[in-house]
PDB file of N, CA and C in Angstrom:
ATOM      1  N   MET A   1     222.679 153.841 246.707  1.00  0.00           N
ATOM      2  CA  MET A   1     223.433 154.391 247.811  1.00  0.00           C
ATOM      3  C   MET A   1     222.541 154.401 249.052  1.00  0.00           C
ATOM      4  N   LEU A   2     223.121 154.043 250.165  1.00  0.00           N
ATOM      5  CA  LEU A   2     222.395 154.001 251.426  1.00  0.00           C
ATOM      6  C   LEU A   2     222.517 155.334 252.166  1.00  0.00           C
ATOM      7  N   LEU A   3     221.561 155.603 253.038  1.00  0.00           N
ATOM      8  CA  LEU A   3     221.621 156.808 253.856  1.00  0.00           C
ATOM      9  C   LEU A   3     222.892 156.815 254.689  1.00  0.00           C
ATOM     10  N   SER A   4     223.303 155.669 255.175  1.00  0.00           N
ATOM     11  CA  SER A   4     224.530 155.602 255.975  1.00  0.00           C
ATOM     12  C   SER A   4     225.757 156.009 255.160  1.00  0.00           C
ATOM     13  N   ASP A   5     225.741 155.769 253.844  1.00  0.00           N
ATOM     14  CA  ASP A   5     226.840 156.223 252.980  1.00  0.00           C
ATOM     15  C   ASP A   5     226.870 157.750 252.931  1.00  0.00           C
ATOM     16  N   LEU A   6     225.698 158.367 252.846  1.00  0.00           N
ATOM     17  CA  LEU A   6     225.614 159.829 252.800  1.00  0.00           C
ATOM     18  C   LEU A   6     226.004 160.458 254.137  1.00  0.00           C
ATOM     19  N   GLN A   7     225.718 159.774 255.229  1.00  0.00           N
ATOM     20  CA  GLN A   7     226.003 160.311 256.550  1.00  0.00           C
ATOM     21  C   GLN A   7     227.499 160.430 256.830  1.00  0.00           C
ATOM     22  N   ALA A   8     228.319 159.746 256.079  1.00  0.00           N
ATOM     23  CA  ALA A   8     229.773 159.788 256.273  1.00  0.00           C
ATOM     24  C   ALA A   8     230.425 160.947 255.522  1.00  0.00           C
ATOM     25  N   LYS A   9     229.638 161.712 254.771  1.00  0.00           N
ATOM     26  CA  LYS A   9     230.176 162.788 253.929  1.00  0.00           C
ATOM     27  C   LYS A   9     229.863 164.166 254.515  1.00  0.00           C
ATOM     28  N   ASP A  10     230.823 165.087 254.409  1.00  0.00           N
ATOM     29  CA  ASP A  10     230.585 166.473 254.801  1.00  0.00           C
ATOM     30  C   ASP A  10     229.726 167.148 253.740  1.00  0.00           C
ATOM     31  N   ILE A  11     228.884 168.069 254.180  1.00  0.00           N
ATOM     32  CA  ILE A  11     228.029 168.847 253.277  1.00  0.00           C
ATOM     33  C   ILE A  11     228.674 170.210 253.094  1.00  0.00           C
ATOM     34  N   ILE A  12     228.961 170.576 251.858  1.00  0.00           N
ATOM     35  CA  ILE A  12     229.604 171.847 251.544  1.00  0.00           C
ATOM     36  C   ILE A  12     228.665 172.691 250.690  1.00  0.00           C
ATOM     37  N   ASN A  13     228.438 173.935 251.120  1.00  0.00           N
ATOM     38  CA  ASN A  13     227.623 174.875 250.355  1.00  0.00           C
ATOM     39  C   ASN A  13     228.506 175.488 249.265  1.00  0.00           C
ATOM     40  N   ILE A  14     228.137 175.306 248.004  1.00  0.00           N
ATOM     41  CA  ILE A  14     228.980 175.806 246.914  1.00  0.00           C
ATOM     42  C   ILE A  14     228.900 177.317 246.749  1.00  0.00           C
ATOM     43  N   LYS A  15     227.907 177.959 247.358  1.00  0.00           N
ATOM     44  CA  LYS A  15     227.798 179.420 247.256  1.00  0.00           C
ATOM     45  C   LYS A  15     228.868 180.133 248.072  1.00  0.00           C
ATOM     46  N   ASP A  16     229.184 179.600 249.271  1.00  0.00           N
ATOM     47  CA  ASP A  16     230.148 180.279 250.127  1.00  0.00           C
ATOM     48  C   ASP A  16     231.255 179.377 250.672  1.00  0.00           C
ATOM     49  N   GLY A  17     231.215 178.097 250.359  1.00  0.00           N
ATOM     50  CA  GLY A  17     232.263 177.169 250.792  1.00  0.00           C
ATOM     51  C   GLY A  17     232.140 176.697 252.225  1.00  0.00           C
ATOM     52  N   ASN A  18     231.069 177.079 252.925  1.00  0.00           N
ATOM     53  CA  ASN A  18     230.893 176.662 254.317  1.00  0.00           C
ATOM     54  C   ASN A  18     230.619 175.170 254.425  1.00  0.00           C
ATOM     55  N   ASN A  19     231.192 174.573 255.462  1.00  0.00           N
ATOM     56  CA  ASN A  19     230.906 173.186 255.791  1.00  0.00           C
ATOM     57  C   ASN A  19     229.650 173.185 256.645  1.00  0.00           C
ATOM     58  N   LEU A  20     228.584 172.559 256.166  1.00  0.00           N
ATOM     59  CA  LEU A  20     227.293 172.566 256.845  1.00  0.00           C
ATOM     60  C   LEU A  20     227.100 171.381 257.772  1.00  0.00           C
ATOM     61  N   GLY A  21     228.128 170.567 257.956  1.00  0.00           N
ATOM     62  CA  GLY A  21     228.016 169.417 258.840  1.00  0.00           C
ATOM     63  C   GLY A  21     227.816 168.140 258.055  1.00  0.00           C
ATOM     64  N   ARG A  22     227.121 167.208 258.667  1.00  0.00           N
ATOM     65  CA  ARG A  22     226.830 165.914 258.038  1.00  0.00           C
ATOM     66  C   ARG A  22     225.355 165.590 258.200  1.00  0.00           C
ATOM     67  N   ILE A  23     224.851 164.771 257.310  1.00  0.00           N
ATOM     68  CA  ILE A  23     223.449 164.342 257.365  1.00  0.00           C
ATOM     69  C   ILE A  23     223.258 163.454 258.584  1.00  0.00           C
ATOM     70  N   ILE A  24     222.208 163.747 259.352  1.00  0.00           N
ATOM     71  CA  ILE A  24     221.899 162.901 260.505  1.00  0.00           C
ATOM     72  C   ILE A  24     220.543 162.210 260.376  1.00  0.00           C
ATOM     73  N   ASP A  25     219.717 162.675 259.420  1.00  0.00           N
ATOM     74  CA  ASP A  25     218.398 162.067 259.262  1.00  0.00           C
ATOM     75  C   ASP A  25     217.812 162.484 257.918  1.00  0.00           C
ATOM     76  N   ALA A  26     216.711 161.867 257.535  1.00  0.00           N
ATOM     77  CA  ALA A  26     216.017 162.215 256.295  1.00  0.00           C
ATOM     78  C   ALA A  26     214.522 162.090 256.514  1.00  0.00           C
ATOM     79  N   LYS A  27     213.760 162.973 255.874  1.00  0.00           N
ATOM     80  CA  LYS A  27     212.291 162.907 255.893  1.00  0.00           C
ATOM     81  C   LYS A  27     211.866 162.292 254.568  1.00  0.00           C
ATOM     82  N   ILE A  28     211.115 161.203 254.639  1.00  0.00           N
ATOM     83  CA  ILE A  28     210.710 160.458 253.452  1.00  0.00           C
ATOM     84  C   ILE A  28     209.187 160.358 253.445  1.00  0.00           C
ATOM     85  N   ASP A  29     208.576 160.606 252.269  1.00  0.00           N
ATOM     86  CA  ASP A  29     207.115 160.518 252.199  1.00  0.00           C
ATOM     87  C   ASP A  29     206.663 159.067 252.063  1.00  0.00           C
ATOM     88  N   ASN A  30     205.353 158.860 252.004  1.00  0.00           N
ATOM     89  CA  ASN A  30     204.795 157.503 251.968  1.00  0.00           C
ATOM     90  C   ASN A  30     205.167 156.717 250.726  1.00  0.00           C
ATOM     91  N   SER A  31     205.513 157.413 249.644  1.00  0.00           N
ATOM     92  CA  SER A  31     205.896 156.703 248.421  1.00  0.00           C
ATOM     93  C   SER A  31     207.387 156.382 248.375  1.00  0.00           C
ATOM     94  N   GLY A  32     208.140 156.816 249.403  1.00  0.00           N
ATOM     95  CA  GLY A  32     209.566 156.530 249.466  1.00  0.00           C
ATOM     96  C   GLY A  32     210.454 157.625 248.905  1.00  0.00           C
ATOM     97  N   LYS A  33     209.853 158.745 248.515  1.00  0.00           N
ATOM     98  CA  LYS A  33     210.614 159.870 247.972  1.00  0.00           C
ATOM     99  C   LYS A  33     211.188 160.699 249.111  1.00  0.00           C
ATOM    100  N   ILE A  34     212.469 161.091 248.984  1.00  0.00           N
ATOM    101  CA  ILE A  34     213.109 161.921 249.997  1.00  0.00           C
ATOM    102  C   ILE A  34     212.576 163.339 249.874  1.00  0.00           C
ATOM    103  N   ILE A  35     212.036 163.871 250.962  1.00  0.00           N
ATOM    104  CA  ILE A  35     211.527 165.238 250.986  1.00  0.00           C
ATOM    105  C   ILE A  35     212.663 166.194 251.343  1.00  0.00           C
ATOM    106  N   TYR A  36     213.375 165.896 252.423  1.00  0.00           N
ATOM    107  CA  TYR A  36     214.525 166.709 252.797  1.00  0.00           C
ATOM    108  C   TYR A  36     215.452 165.911 253.697  1.00  0.00           C
ATOM    109  N   PHE A  37     216.673 166.417 253.834  1.00  0.00           N
ATOM    110  CA  PHE A  37     217.652 165.847 254.742  1.00  0.00           C
ATOM    111  C   PHE A  37     217.791 166.762 255.947  1.00  0.00           C
ATOM    112  N   VAL A  38     218.167 166.196 257.068  1.00  0.00           N
ATOM    113  CA  VAL A  38     218.455 166.952 258.282  1.00  0.00           C
ATOM    114  C   VAL A  38     219.955 166.845 258.518  1.00  0.00           C
ATOM    115  N   SER A  39     220.604 167.993 258.734  1.00  0.00           N
ATOM    116  CA  SER A  39     222.038 167.982 258.998  1.00  0.00           C
ATOM    117  C   SER A  39     222.317 168.535 260.386  1.00  0.00           C
ATOM    118  N   GLU A  40     223.469 168.143 260.922  1.00  0.00           N
ATOM    119  CA  GLU A  40     223.878 168.649 262.231  1.00  0.00           C
ATOM    120  C   GLU A  40     224.242 170.122 262.128  1.00  0.00           C
ATOM    121  N   GLU A  41     224.220 170.800 263.237  1.00  0.00           N
ATOM    122  CA  GLU A  41     224.566 172.213 263.252  1.00  0.00           C
ATOM    123  C   GLU A  41     226.078 172.381 263.298  1.00  0.00           C
ATOM    124  N   LYS A  42     226.576 173.326 262.530  1.00  0.00           N
ATOM    125  CA  LYS A  42     227.978 173.739 262.588  1.00  0.00           C
ATOM    126  C   LYS A  42     227.997 175.194 263.017  1.00  0.00           C
ATOM    127  N   ARG A  43     229.058 175.633 263.653  1.00  0.00           N
ATOM    128  CA  ARG A  43     229.137 177.010 264.147  1.00  0.00           C
ATOM    129  C   ARG A  43     229.048 178.036 263.026  1.00  0.00           C
ATOM    130  N   LEU A  44     229.575 177.725 261.848  1.00  0.00           N
ATOM    131  CA  LEU A  44     229.568 178.682 260.751  1.00  0.00           C
ATOM    132  C   LEU A  44     228.234 178.747 260.030  1.00  0.00           C
ATOM    133  N   MET A  45     227.342 177.843 260.381  1.00  0.00           N
ATOM    134  CA  MET A  45     226.077 177.740 259.669  1.00  0.00           C
ATOM    135  C   MET A  45     225.131 178.862 260.039  1.00  0.00           C
ATOM    136  N   LYS A  46     224.494 179.446 259.063  1.00  0.00           N
ATOM    137  CA  LYS A  46     223.577 180.554 259.315  1.00  0.00           C
ATOM    138  C   LYS A  46     222.121 180.131 259.230  1.00  0.00           C
ATOM    139  N   LYS A  47     221.821 179.083 258.481  1.00  0.00           N
ATOM    140  CA  LYS A  47     220.428 178.707 258.253  1.00  0.00           C
ATOM    141  C   LYS A  47     220.027 177.545 259.162  1.00  0.00           C
ATOM    142  N   VAL A  48     219.870 177.816 260.416  1.00  0.00           N
ATOM    143  CA  VAL A  48     219.434 176.795 261.357  1.00  0.00           C
ATOM    144  C   VAL A  48     217.921 176.896 261.460  1.00  0.00           C
ATOM    145  N   THR A  49     217.260 175.782 261.248  1.00  0.00           N
ATOM    146  CA  THR A  49     215.806 175.829 261.207  1.00  0.00           C
ATOM    147  C   THR A  49     215.150 175.314 262.469  1.00  0.00           C
ATOM    148  N   ARG A  50     215.842 174.507 263.240  1.00  0.00           N
ATOM    149  CA  ARG A  50     215.277 174.036 264.494  1.00  0.00           C
ATOM    150  C   ARG A  50     216.391 173.501 265.381  1.00  0.00           C
ATOM    151  N   GLY A  51     216.256 173.669 266.671  1.00  0.00           N
ATOM    152  CA  GLY A  51     217.162 173.230 267.715  1.00  0.00           C
ATOM    153  C   GLY A  51     218.424 172.501 267.323  1.00  0.00           C
ATOM    154  N   GLY A  52     219.409 173.175 266.753  1.00  0.00           N
ATOM    155  CA  GLY A  52     220.687 172.556 266.459  1.00  0.00           C
ATOM    156  C   GLY A  52     220.721 171.750 265.174  1.00  0.00           C
ATOM    157  N   GLU A  53     219.671 171.807 264.402  1.00  0.00           N
ATOM    158  CA  GLU A  53     219.612 171.061 263.144  1.00  0.00           C
ATOM    159  C   GLU A  53     219.166 171.983 262.020  1.00  0.00           C
ATOM    160  N   ALA A  54     219.577 171.653 260.813  1.00  0.00           N
ATOM    161  CA  ALA A  54     219.158 172.396 259.630  1.00  0.00           C
ATOM    162  C   ALA A  54     218.634 171.400 258.607  1.00  0.00           C
ATOM    163  N   THR A  55     217.770 171.870 257.725  1.00  0.00           N
ATOM    164  CA  THR A  55     217.241 170.996 256.682  1.00  0.00           C
ATOM    165  C   THR A  55     217.565 171.570 255.313  1.00  0.00           C
ATOM    166  N   PHE A  56     217.661 170.690 254.338  1.00  0.00           N
ATOM    167  CA  PHE A  56     217.777 171.110 252.946  1.00  0.00           C
ATOM    168  C   PHE A  56     217.122 170.057 252.069  1.00  0.00           C
ATOM    169  N   GLU A  57     216.476 170.529 251.020  1.00  0.00           N
ATOM    170  CA  GLU A  57     215.735 169.654 250.125  1.00  0.00           C
ATOM    171  C   GLU A  57     216.699 168.858 249.244  1.00  0.00           C
ATOM    172  N   PHE A  58     216.223 167.711 248.809  1.00  0.00           N
ATOM    173  CA  PHE A  58     217.010 166.823 247.961  1.00  0.00           C
ATOM    174  C   PHE A  58     217.465 167.535 246.688  1.00  0.00           C
ATOM    175  N   ASP A  59     216.613 168.410 246.136  1.00  0.00           N
ATOM    176  CA  ASP A  59     216.958 169.084 244.878  1.00  0.00           C
ATOM    177  C   ASP A  59     218.048 170.144 245.042  1.00  0.00           C
ATOM    178  N   LYS A  60     218.445 170.450 246.279  1.00  0.00           N
ATOM    179  CA  LYS A  60     219.550 171.392 246.526  1.00  0.00           C
ATOM    180  C   LYS A  60     220.912 170.723 246.349  1.00  0.00           C
ATOM    181  N   ILE A  61     220.937 169.396 246.305  1.00  0.00           N
ATOM    182  CA  ILE A  61     222.191 168.667 246.100  1.00  0.00           C
ATOM    183  C   ILE A  61     222.606 168.806 244.646  1.00  0.00           C
ATOM    184  N   LYS A  62     223.821 169.271 244.436  1.00  0.00           N
ATOM    185  CA  LYS A  62     224.352 169.447 243.080  1.00  0.00           C
ATOM    186  C   LYS A  62     225.270 168.305 242.678  1.00  0.00           C
ATOM    187  N   LYS A  63     226.004 167.732 243.640  1.00  0.00           N
ATOM    188  CA  LYS A  63     226.925 166.638 243.330  1.00  0.00           C
ATOM    189  C   LYS A  63     227.217 165.871 244.608  1.00  0.00           C
ATOM    190  N   ILE A  64     227.289 164.548 244.476  1.00  0.00           N
ATOM    191  CA  ILE A  64     227.698 163.692 245.580  1.00  0.00           C
ATOM    192  C   ILE A  64     229.027 163.079 245.185  1.00  0.00           C
ATOM    193  N   GLY A  65     230.066 163.434 245.928  1.00  0.00           N
ATOM    194  CA  GLY A  65     231.398 162.919 245.645  1.00  0.00           C
ATOM    195  C   GLY A  65     231.773 161.815 246.623  1.00  0.00           C
ATOM    196  N   GLU A  66     233.039 161.396 246.578  1.00  0.00           N
ATOM    197  CA  GLU A  66     233.516 160.346 247.470  1.00  0.00           C
ATOM    198  C   GLU A  66     233.529 160.795 248.921  1.00  0.00           C
ATOM    199  N   ASP A  67     233.886 162.078 249.165  1.00  0.00           N
ATOM    200  CA  ASP A  67     234.042 162.563 250.527  1.00  0.00           C
ATOM    201  C   ASP A  67     233.056 163.659 250.915  1.00  0.00           C
ATOM    202  N   VAL A  68     232.454 164.321 249.945  1.00  0.00           N
ATOM    203  CA  VAL A  68     231.587 165.463 250.225  1.00  0.00           C
ATOM    204  C   VAL A  68     230.308 165.417 249.418  1.00  0.00           C
ATOM    205  N   ILE A  69     229.330 166.161 249.922  1.00  0.00           N
ATOM    206  CA  ILE A  69     228.084 166.413 249.189  1.00  0.00           C
ATOM    207  C   ILE A  69     228.047 167.914 248.938  1.00  0.00           C
ATOM    208  N   LEU A  70     227.968 168.318 247.692  1.00  0.00           N
ATOM    209  CA  LEU A  70     227.913 169.734 247.344  1.00  0.00           C
ATOM    210  C   LEU A  70     226.458 170.154 247.197  1.00  0.00           C
ATOM    211  N   VAL A  71     226.082 171.200 247.926  1.00  0.00           N
ATOM    212  CA  VAL A  71     224.718 171.721 247.877  1.00  0.00           C
ATOM    213  C   VAL A  71     224.759 173.198 247.541  1.00  0.00           C
ATOM    214  N   GLU A  72     223.648 173.694 247.010  1.00  0.00           N
ATOM    215  CA  GLU A  72     223.521 175.129 246.725  1.00  0.00           C
ATOM    216  C   GLU A  72     222.354 175.662 247.546  1.00  0.00           C
ATOM    217  N   ILE A  73     222.702 176.328 248.643  1.00  0.00           N
ATOM    218  CA  ILE A  73     221.682 176.847 249.555  1.00  0.00           C
ATOM    219  C   ILE A  73     221.841 178.355 249.623  1.00  0.00           C
TER     220      ILE A  73
END
């Protein structure tokens, strides 16, 4: 799966059902492992980590579906 495929999906937090936006970038280490994803800011989002963007680690993803990415944050 390509990053562009993931960018077309909404991110949903399974703890509260909030839509966290969509992936806009990813941080990748020198070995090619994804460290974390960067998502756009949504008004309902509480965990904003820097100027209009939020991050979540790859291991927070619980399921990648056709239209959404389910995360547990």
